[in-house]
């Protein structure tokens, strides 16, 4: 289990395969708001907190791989 208080602005979000998914803008409730620069459409997207597997070395690793995470962004 991870402590969501460890998630900070500008941390990288990676899929379980290690590929880049996005960058943290901030935490809003039980979701991670990602920066617009990684979106491709100049909009903020979100990842649900329950997709986070662990926080390690200033990087957030998800329980799913990068392609699946891209499909799950809202």
C-alpha atoms as a PDB file:
ATOM      1  CA  UNK A   1       0.000   0.000   0.000  1.00  0.00           C
ATOM      2  CA  UNK A   2       1.197   3.512  -0.720  1.00  0.00           C
ATOM      3  CA  UNK A   3       0.559   6.816   0.988  1.00  0.00           C
ATOM      4  CA  UNK A   4      -1.123   9.233  -1.438  1.00  0.00           C
ATOM      5  CA  UNK A   5       0.545  12.097   0.449  1.00  0.00           C
ATOM      6  CA  UNK A   6       3.791  10.967  -1.240  1.00  0.00           C
ATOM      7  CA  UNK A   7       2.404  11.955  -4.635  1.00  0.00           C
ATOM      8  CA  UNK A   8       3.771  15.381  -5.544  1.00  0.00           C
ATOM      9  CA  UNK A   9       3.567  17.823  -8.428  1.00  0.00           C
ATOM     10  CA  UNK A  10       5.788  17.000 -11.432  1.00  0.00           C
ATOM     11  CA  UNK A  11       6.214  13.307 -10.556  1.00  0.00           C
ATOM     12  CA  UNK A  12       6.239  10.988 -13.544  1.00  0.00           C
ATOM     13  CA  UNK A  13       3.414   8.469 -13.900  1.00  0.00           C
ATOM     14  CA  UNK A  14       4.448   5.184 -15.521  1.00  0.00           C
ATOM     15  CA  UNK A  15       2.539   2.079 -16.497  1.00  0.00           C
ATOM     16  CA  UNK A  16       3.529  -1.257 -14.995  1.00  0.00           C
ATOM     17  CA  UNK A  17       5.635  -1.748 -18.125  1.00  0.00           C
ATOM     18  CA  UNK A  18       7.661   1.372 -17.154  1.00  0.00           C
ATOM     19  CA  UNK A  19       6.450   3.472 -20.094  1.00  0.00           C
ATOM     20  CA  UNK A  20       5.527   7.120 -19.551  1.00  0.00           C
ATOM     21  CA  UNK A  21       1.804   7.784 -19.037  1.00  0.00           C
ATOM     22  CA  UNK A  22       1.852  11.370 -17.804  1.00  0.00           C
ATOM     23  CA  UNK A  23       3.065  13.905 -15.254  1.00  0.00           C
ATOM     24  CA  UNK A  24       1.323  14.875 -12.024  1.00  0.00           C
ATOM     25  CA  UNK A  25      -0.228  18.324 -11.878  1.00  0.00           C
ATOM     26  CA  UNK A  26      -1.873  17.696  -8.488  1.00  0.00           C
ATOM     27  CA  UNK A  27      -3.997  15.276  -6.479  1.00  0.00           C
ATOM     28  CA  UNK A  28      -7.720  16.035  -6.363  1.00  0.00           C
ATOM     29  CA  UNK A  29      -9.559  13.745  -3.968  1.00  0.00           C
ATOM     30  CA  UNK A  30      -9.128  10.171  -5.189  1.00  0.00           C
ATOM     31  CA  UNK A  31      -7.782  11.149  -8.608  1.00  0.00           C
ATOM     32  CA  UNK A  32      -4.463  12.318  -9.979  1.00  0.00           C
ATOM     33  CA  UNK A  33      -4.789  15.327 -12.264  1.00  0.00           C
ATOM     34  CA  UNK A  34      -2.175  15.205 -15.020  1.00  0.00           C
ATOM     35  CA  UNK A  35      -0.513  18.122 -16.762  1.00  0.00           C
ATOM     36  CA  UNK A  36      -1.872  19.318 -20.096  1.00  0.00           C
ATOM     37  CA  UNK A  37       1.507  18.885 -21.787  1.00  0.00           C
ATOM     38  CA  UNK A  38       1.165  15.079 -21.879  1.00  0.00           C
ATOM     39  CA  UNK A  39      -2.437  15.022 -23.057  1.00  0.00           C
ATOM     40  CA  UNK A  40      -2.125  15.650 -26.784  1.00  0.00           C
ATOM     41  CA  UNK A  41      -5.318  17.716 -26.683  1.00  0.00           C
ATOM     42  CA  UNK A  42      -4.230  20.529 -24.310  1.00  0.00           C
ATOM     43  CA  UNK A  43      -6.681  19.357 -21.621  1.00  0.00           C
ATOM     44  CA  UNK A  44      -6.165  17.957 -18.153  1.00  0.00           C
ATOM     45  CA  UNK A  45      -6.821  14.244 -17.794  1.00  0.00           C
ATOM     46  CA  UNK A  46      -7.170  12.171 -14.632  1.00  0.00           C
ATOM     47  CA  UNK A  47      -6.095   8.767 -13.377  1.00  0.00           C
ATOM     48  CA  UNK A  48      -8.017   7.121 -10.555  1.00  0.00           C
ATOM     49  CA  UNK A  49      -5.970   6.623  -7.388  1.00  0.00           C
ATOM     50  CA  UNK A  50      -6.924   2.940  -7.216  1.00  0.00           C
ATOM     51  CA  UNK A  51      -4.807   2.337 -10.344  1.00  0.00           C
ATOM     52  CA  UNK A  52      -1.619   3.245  -8.442  1.00  0.00           C
ATOM     53  CA  UNK A  53       0.520   0.250  -7.527  1.00  0.00           C
ATOM     54  CA  UNK A  54       3.402   2.031  -5.794  1.00  0.00           C
ATOM     55  CA  UNK A  55       5.387   5.267  -5.464  1.00  0.00           C
ATOM     56  CA  UNK A  56       9.101   4.729  -5.856  1.00  0.00           C
ATOM     57  CA  UNK A  57      12.083   6.957  -6.687  1.00  0.00           C
ATOM     58  CA  UNK A  58       9.951  10.024  -7.513  1.00  0.00           C
ATOM     59  CA  UNK A  59       7.885   7.936  -9.929  1.00  0.00           C
ATOM     60  CA  UNK A  60       4.343   6.582  -9.703  1.00  0.00           C
ATOM     61  CA  UNK A  61       3.851   3.067 -11.044  1.00  0.00           C
ATOM     62  CA  UNK A  62       0.387   1.950 -12.081  1.00  0.00           C
ATOM     63  CA  UNK A  63      -1.171  -1.511 -11.846  1.00  0.00           C
ATOM     64  CA  UNK A  64      -1.811  -1.453 -15.609  1.00  0.00           C
ATOM     65  CA  UNK A  65       0.460  -1.041 -18.619  1.00  0.00           C
ATOM     66  CA  UNK A  66       0.765   2.233 -20.535  1.00  0.00           C
ATOM     67  CA  UNK A  67      -1.709   1.462 -23.358  1.00  0.00           C
ATOM     68  CA  UNK A  68      -4.377   0.386 -20.852  1.00  0.00           C
ATOM     69  CA  UNK A  69      -3.727   3.482 -18.718  1.00  0.00           C
ATOM     70  CA  UNK A  70      -4.138   5.716 -21.772  1.00  0.00           C
ATOM     71  CA  UNK A  71      -7.552   4.138 -22.370  1.00  0.00           C
ATOM     72  CA  UNK A  72      -8.560   4.674 -18.722  1.00  0.00           C
ATOM     73  CA  UNK A  73      -7.719   8.386 -18.510  1.00  0.00           C
ATOM     74  CA  UNK A  74     -10.717  10.655 -18.090  1.00  0.00           C
END
